[in-house]
Amino acid sequence: MVEVLELLFKDKGFEVVSADASKSALNFLEKQKFDLMITDINMPGMSGIDLGLEVRKKNTLMPIILFTGQINKFKDYKSSLDKIGNAYYIESKDLDELLKTIKKIFPKI
């Protein structure tokens, strides 16, 4: 999925940095400023929720999009999502829905 998203966004003209695990993402975030983070909730190592909570310790403004194919687990994630703040949740891996969410965050795109 990482490769698919990377190709999709590069094709749309976005600059993309991808990470295959939370630890790698945190390393990138320490070295560079980003406008947006998109993460799956289920990842190797720490979850996307935990990654979002870690990111919030240092960056309170960057929007975070969390998505998952596990629609039935939304209730489990709701309280954690509220703690992350400025986070958007997509209950599917629908790329059109992801692009619509990005356009809500950045209407001039």
N, C-alpha and C. Protein backbone atom coordinates (compact mmCIF):
# COMPACT_ATOMS: atom_id res chain seq x y z
N MET A 1 0.82 -1.19 0.00
CA MET A 1 0.00 0.00 0.00
C MET A 1 0.87 1.26 0.00
N VAL A 2 2.00 1.19 0.69
CA VAL A 2 2.91 2.35 0.73
C VAL A 2 3.34 2.75 -0.67
N GLU A 3 3.71 1.75 -1.48
CA GLU A 3 4.16 2.04 -2.84
C GLU A 3 3.03 2.63 -3.70
N VAL A 4 1.82 2.11 -3.52
CA VAL A 4 0.67 2.61 -4.28
C VAL A 4 0.41 4.07 -3.94
N LEU A 5 0.41 4.39 -2.65
CA LEU A 5 0.18 5.78 -2.24
C LEU A 5 1.29 6.69 -2.73
N GLU A 6 2.51 6.22 -2.63
CA GLU A 6 3.65 7.02 -3.09
C GLU A 6 3.52 7.36 -4.57
N LEU A 7 3.20 6.38 -5.38
CA LEU A 7 3.02 6.61 -6.82
C LEU A 7 1.84 7.53 -7.10
N LEU A 8 0.75 7.32 -6.41
CA LEU A 8 -0.45 8.15 -6.59
C LEU A 8 -0.14 9.61 -6.31
N PHE A 9 0.48 9.89 -5.20
CA PHE A 9 0.75 11.27 -4.81
C PHE A 9 1.84 11.92 -5.66
N LYS A 10 2.84 11.18 -6.02
CA LYS A 10 3.87 11.73 -6.91
C LYS A 10 3.27 12.06 -8.26
N ASP A 11 2.37 11.20 -8.75
CA ASP A 11 1.70 11.44 -10.02
C ASP A 11 0.84 12.71 -9.97
N LYS A 12 0.33 13.04 -8.78
CA LYS A 12 -0.49 14.24 -8.61
C LYS A 12 0.36 15.48 -8.28
N GLY A 13 1.69 15.31 -8.29
CA GLY A 13 2.58 16.44 -8.09
C GLY A 13 3.02 16.70 -6.66
N PHE A 14 2.71 15.81 -5.75
CA PHE A 14 3.12 15.97 -4.35
C PHE A 14 4.55 15.49 -4.16
N GLU A 15 5.25 16.10 -3.22
CA GLU A 15 6.53 15.56 -2.77
C GLU A 15 6.21 14.53 -1.70
N VAL A 16 6.81 13.36 -1.80
CA VAL A 16 6.45 12.25 -0.92
C VAL A 16 7.70 11.66 -0.27
N VAL A 17 7.59 11.40 1.01
CA VAL A 17 8.59 10.62 1.72
C VAL A 17 7.81 9.48 2.36
N SER A 18 8.23 8.26 2.12
CA SER A 18 7.49 7.14 2.67
C SER A 18 8.35 6.35 3.65
N ALA A 19 7.66 5.76 4.61
CA ALA A 19 8.32 4.94 5.61
C ALA A 19 7.55 3.63 5.72
N ASP A 20 8.26 2.56 5.95
CA ASP A 20 7.59 1.26 6.03
C ASP A 20 7.26 0.85 7.47
N ALA A 21 7.61 1.69 8.44
CA ALA A 21 7.32 1.40 9.84
C ALA A 21 7.33 2.71 10.63
N SER A 22 6.72 2.68 11.78
CA SER A 22 6.61 3.88 12.62
C SER A 22 7.96 4.46 13.00
N LYS A 23 8.89 3.60 13.32
CA LYS A 23 10.22 4.06 13.73
C LYS A 23 10.88 4.88 12.62
N SER A 24 10.78 4.40 11.39
CA SER A 24 11.32 5.13 10.25
C SER A 24 10.62 6.47 10.08
N ALA A 25 9.30 6.47 10.25
CA ALA A 25 8.53 7.71 10.12
C ALA A 25 8.99 8.73 11.17
N LEU A 26 9.18 8.29 12.40
CA LEU A 26 9.64 9.20 13.45
C LEU A 26 11.02 9.77 13.12
N ASN A 27 11.89 8.95 12.55
CA ASN A 27 13.22 9.44 12.16
C ASN A 27 13.11 10.54 11.11
N PHE A 28 12.25 10.34 10.10
CA PHE A 28 12.04 11.37 9.08
C PHE A 28 11.48 12.65 9.69
N LEU A 29 10.54 12.49 10.60
CA LEU A 29 9.88 13.65 11.21
C LEU A 29 10.83 14.47 12.09
N GLU A 30 11.85 13.83 12.63
CA GLU A 30 12.84 14.54 13.42
C GLU A 30 13.77 15.38 12.55
N LYS A 31 13.95 14.96 11.31
CA LYS A 31 14.91 15.61 10.42
C LYS A 31 14.30 16.64 9.48
N GLN A 32 12.99 16.56 9.27
CA GLN A 32 12.36 17.38 8.24
C GLN A 32 10.95 17.79 8.67
N LYS A 33 10.51 18.93 8.15
CA LYS A 33 9.15 19.39 8.41
C LYS A 33 8.24 18.91 7.28
N PHE A 34 7.06 18.43 7.64
CA PHE A 34 6.10 17.94 6.67
C PHE A 34 4.78 18.67 6.82
N ASP A 35 4.01 18.74 5.74
CA ASP A 35 2.70 19.39 5.76
C ASP A 35 1.59 18.44 6.19
N LEU A 36 1.81 17.14 6.03
CA LEU A 36 0.77 16.15 6.28
C LEU A 36 1.40 14.79 6.52
N MET A 37 0.79 14.03 7.41
CA MET A 37 1.21 12.64 7.60
C MET A 37 0.00 11.74 7.35
N ILE A 38 0.20 10.71 6.56
CA ILE A 38 -0.82 9.70 6.32
C ILE A 38 -0.27 8.38 6.85
N THR A 39 -1.03 7.73 7.69
CA THR A 39 -0.55 6.47 8.26
C THR A 39 -1.68 5.46 8.39
N ASP A 40 -1.32 4.23 8.21
CA ASP A 40 -2.25 3.15 8.47
C ASP A 40 -2.28 2.97 10.00
N ILE A 41 -3.39 2.53 10.50
CA ILE A 41 -3.46 2.29 11.94
C ILE A 41 -2.66 1.04 12.30
N ASN A 42 -2.70 0.05 11.43
CA ASN A 42 -2.00 -1.21 11.70
C ASN A 42 -0.67 -1.23 10.96
N MET A 43 0.41 -1.13 11.73
CA MET A 43 1.76 -1.13 11.15
C MET A 43 2.68 -1.97 12.02
N PRO A 44 3.83 -2.38 11.45
CA PRO A 44 4.81 -3.09 12.27
C PRO A 44 5.37 -2.17 13.35
N GLY A 45 5.67 -2.71 14.48
CA GLY A 45 6.18 -1.88 15.58
C GLY A 45 5.03 -1.21 16.30
N MET A 46 5.07 0.09 16.39
CA MET A 46 3.96 0.80 17.03
C MET A 46 2.84 1.06 16.04
N SER A 47 1.63 1.16 16.54
CA SER A 47 0.48 1.39 15.67
C SER A 47 0.46 2.82 15.15
N GLY A 48 -0.37 3.07 14.15
CA GLY A 48 -0.54 4.43 13.65
C GLY A 48 -1.09 5.37 14.70
N ILE A 49 -1.92 4.84 15.59
CA ILE A 49 -2.45 5.65 16.71
C ILE A 49 -1.29 6.08 17.60
N ASP A 50 -0.45 5.13 17.99
CA ASP A 50 0.69 5.46 18.85
C ASP A 50 1.66 6.40 18.14
N LEU A 51 1.83 6.20 16.84
CA LEU A 51 2.67 7.11 16.06
C LEU A 51 2.10 8.52 16.11
N GLY A 52 0.79 8.64 15.90
CA GLY A 52 0.14 9.96 15.97
C GLY A 52 0.32 10.61 17.32
N LEU A 53 0.20 9.84 18.39
CA LEU A 53 0.39 10.39 19.74
C LEU A 53 1.84 10.84 19.95
N GLU A 54 2.79 10.09 19.42
CA GLU A 54 4.21 10.47 19.51
C GLU A 54 4.47 11.76 18.74
N VAL A 55 3.92 11.85 17.54
CA VAL A 55 4.10 13.03 16.70
C VAL A 55 3.54 14.26 17.41
N ARG A 56 2.41 14.12 18.08
CA ARG A 56 1.78 15.25 18.76
C ARG A 56 2.64 15.83 19.88
N LYS A 57 3.54 15.05 20.43
CA LYS A 57 4.43 15.56 21.48
C LYS A 57 5.33 16.67 20.96
N LYS A 58 5.64 16.64 19.65
CA LYS A 58 6.56 17.62 19.07
C LYS A 58 5.92 18.50 18.02
N ASN A 59 4.86 18.04 17.38
CA ASN A 59 4.25 18.80 16.29
C ASN A 59 2.74 18.79 16.48
N THR A 60 2.23 19.89 16.99
CA THR A 60 0.81 19.95 17.29
C THR A 60 -0.04 20.41 16.11
N LEU A 61 0.59 20.92 15.07
CA LEU A 61 -0.17 21.51 13.96
C LEU A 61 -0.34 20.62 12.74
N MET A 62 0.59 19.75 12.46
CA MET A 62 0.53 18.96 11.24
C MET A 62 -0.71 18.06 11.23
N PRO A 63 -1.52 18.15 10.18
CA PRO A 63 -2.65 17.24 10.07
C PRO A 63 -2.17 15.80 9.90
N ILE A 64 -2.92 14.89 10.47
CA ILE A 64 -2.60 13.47 10.37
C ILE A 64 -3.85 12.76 9.86
N ILE A 65 -3.67 11.96 8.83
CA ILE A 65 -4.75 11.12 8.34
C ILE A 65 -4.42 9.68 8.72
N LEU A 66 -5.34 9.06 9.44
CA LEU A 66 -5.21 7.66 9.82
C LEU A 66 -6.25 6.88 9.05
N PHE A 67 -5.85 5.78 8.48
CA PHE A 67 -6.83 4.99 7.75
C PHE A 67 -6.64 3.51 8.03
N THR A 68 -7.69 2.77 7.82
CA THR A 68 -7.65 1.34 8.07
C THR A 68 -8.73 0.64 7.27
N GLY A 69 -8.50 -0.59 6.97
CA GLY A 69 -9.51 -1.42 6.34
C GLY A 69 -10.38 -2.11 7.37
N GLN A 70 -10.03 -1.95 8.65
CA GLN A 70 -10.77 -2.61 9.73
C GLN A 70 -11.87 -1.70 10.26
N ILE A 71 -12.91 -1.55 9.47
CA ILE A 71 -13.99 -0.63 9.78
C ILE A 71 -14.63 -0.95 11.13
N ASN A 72 -14.76 -2.20 11.46
CA ASN A 72 -15.45 -2.58 12.69
C ASN A 72 -14.69 -2.20 13.95
N LYS A 73 -13.47 -1.71 13.83
CA LYS A 73 -12.70 -1.35 15.03
C LYS A 73 -12.72 0.15 15.32
N PHE A 74 -13.54 0.92 14.63
CA PHE A 74 -13.56 2.37 14.83
C PHE A 74 -13.78 2.73 16.30
N LYS A 75 -14.71 2.06 16.96
CA LYS A 75 -15.00 2.37 18.37
C LYS A 75 -13.75 2.22 19.23
N ASP A 76 -12.92 1.23 18.90
CA ASP A 76 -11.69 1.02 19.66
C ASP A 76 -10.72 2.19 19.50
N TYR A 77 -10.78 2.87 18.36
CA TYR A 77 -9.82 3.94 18.06
C TYR A 77 -10.32 5.33 18.44
N LYS A 78 -11.62 5.50 18.64
CA LYS A 78 -12.23 6.83 18.78
C LYS A 78 -11.59 7.66 19.88
N SER A 79 -11.42 7.11 21.08
CA SER A 79 -10.86 7.91 22.18
C SER A 79 -9.42 8.31 21.90
N SER A 80 -8.65 7.44 21.27
CA SER A 80 -7.27 7.77 20.93
C SER A 80 -7.21 8.84 19.86
N LEU A 81 -8.11 8.77 18.89
CA LEU A 81 -8.14 9.78 17.83
C LEU A 81 -8.39 11.16 18.40
N ASP A 82 -9.28 11.24 19.36
CA ASP A 82 -9.57 12.53 19.99
C ASP A 82 -8.33 13.10 20.67
N LYS A 83 -7.50 12.24 21.24
CA LYS A 83 -6.27 12.69 21.91
C LYS A 83 -5.23 13.20 20.91
N ILE A 84 -5.24 12.65 19.71
CA ILE A 84 -4.26 13.07 18.70
C ILE A 84 -4.58 14.48 18.23
N GLY A 85 -5.82 14.80 18.02
CA GLY A 85 -6.20 16.13 17.58
C GLY A 85 -5.73 16.41 16.16
N ASN A 86 -6.46 17.25 15.44
CA ASN A 86 -6.15 17.59 14.05
C ASN A 86 -5.90 16.33 13.23
N ALA A 87 -6.69 15.28 13.55
CA ALA A 87 -6.54 14.01 12.87
C ALA A 87 -7.83 13.68 12.13
N TYR A 88 -7.67 13.02 11.03
CA TYR A 88 -8.79 12.61 10.19
C TYR A 88 -8.75 11.10 10.08
N TYR A 89 -9.91 10.49 10.14
CA TYR A 89 -9.99 9.04 10.15
C TYR A 89 -10.77 8.56 8.94
N ILE A 90 -10.20 7.66 8.19
CA ILE A 90 -10.86 7.08 7.03
C ILE A 90 -11.05 5.59 7.29
N GLU A 91 -12.30 5.15 7.22
CA GLU A 91 -12.62 3.77 7.55
C GLU A 91 -12.51 2.82 6.37
N SER A 92 -11.67 3.12 5.44
CA SER A 92 -11.45 2.20 4.33
C SER A 92 -10.12 2.55 3.68
N LYS A 93 -9.74 1.77 2.73
CA LYS A 93 -8.51 2.10 1.99
C LYS A 93 -8.88 2.61 0.60
N ASP A 94 -9.98 3.35 0.54
CA ASP A 94 -10.47 3.92 -0.70
C ASP A 94 -9.63 5.15 -1.03
N LEU A 95 -8.89 5.10 -2.13
CA LEU A 95 -7.99 6.19 -2.49
C LEU A 95 -8.75 7.48 -2.82
N ASP A 96 -9.94 7.36 -3.40
CA ASP A 96 -10.74 8.56 -3.67
C ASP A 96 -11.13 9.25 -2.37
N GLU A 97 -11.48 8.47 -1.37
CA GLU A 97 -11.84 9.04 -0.07
C GLU A 97 -10.62 9.73 0.57
N LEU A 98 -9.48 9.14 0.40
CA LEU A 98 -8.24 9.73 0.91
C LEU A 98 -7.98 11.07 0.22
N LEU A 99 -8.11 11.12 -1.09
CA LEU A 99 -7.90 12.38 -1.82
C LEU A 99 -8.93 13.45 -1.43
N LYS A 100 -10.18 13.06 -1.21
CA LYS A 100 -11.21 14.01 -0.76
C LYS A 100 -10.84 14.59 0.60
N THR A 101 -10.34 13.76 1.48
CA THR A 101 -9.94 14.22 2.81
C THR A 101 -8.79 15.21 2.70
N ILE A 102 -7.83 14.93 1.84
CA ILE A 102 -6.70 15.86 1.65
C ILE A 102 -7.21 17.20 1.11
N LYS A 103 -8.17 17.16 0.21
CA LYS A 103 -8.72 18.40 -0.34
C LYS A 103 -9.49 19.20 0.72
N LYS A 104 -10.08 18.52 1.69
CA LYS A 104 -10.73 19.22 2.81
C LYS A 104 -9.69 19.95 3.65
N ILE A 105 -8.56 19.30 3.86
CA ILE A 105 -7.49 19.87 4.68
C ILE A 105 -6.82 21.03 3.93
N PHE A 106 -6.56 20.82 2.66
CA PHE A 106 -5.88 21.80 1.81
C PHE A 106 -6.77 22.15 0.63
N PRO A 107 -7.77 23.00 0.80
CA PRO A 107 -8.74 23.28 -0.25
C PRO A 107 -8.15 23.85 -1.54
N LYS A 108 -6.97 24.46 -1.48
CA LYS A 108 -6.40 25.08 -2.68
C LYS A 108 -5.69 24.08 -3.57
N ILE A 109 -5.65 22.83 -3.17
CA ILE A 109 -4.97 21.80 -3.98
C ILE A 109 -5.86 21.42 -5.14
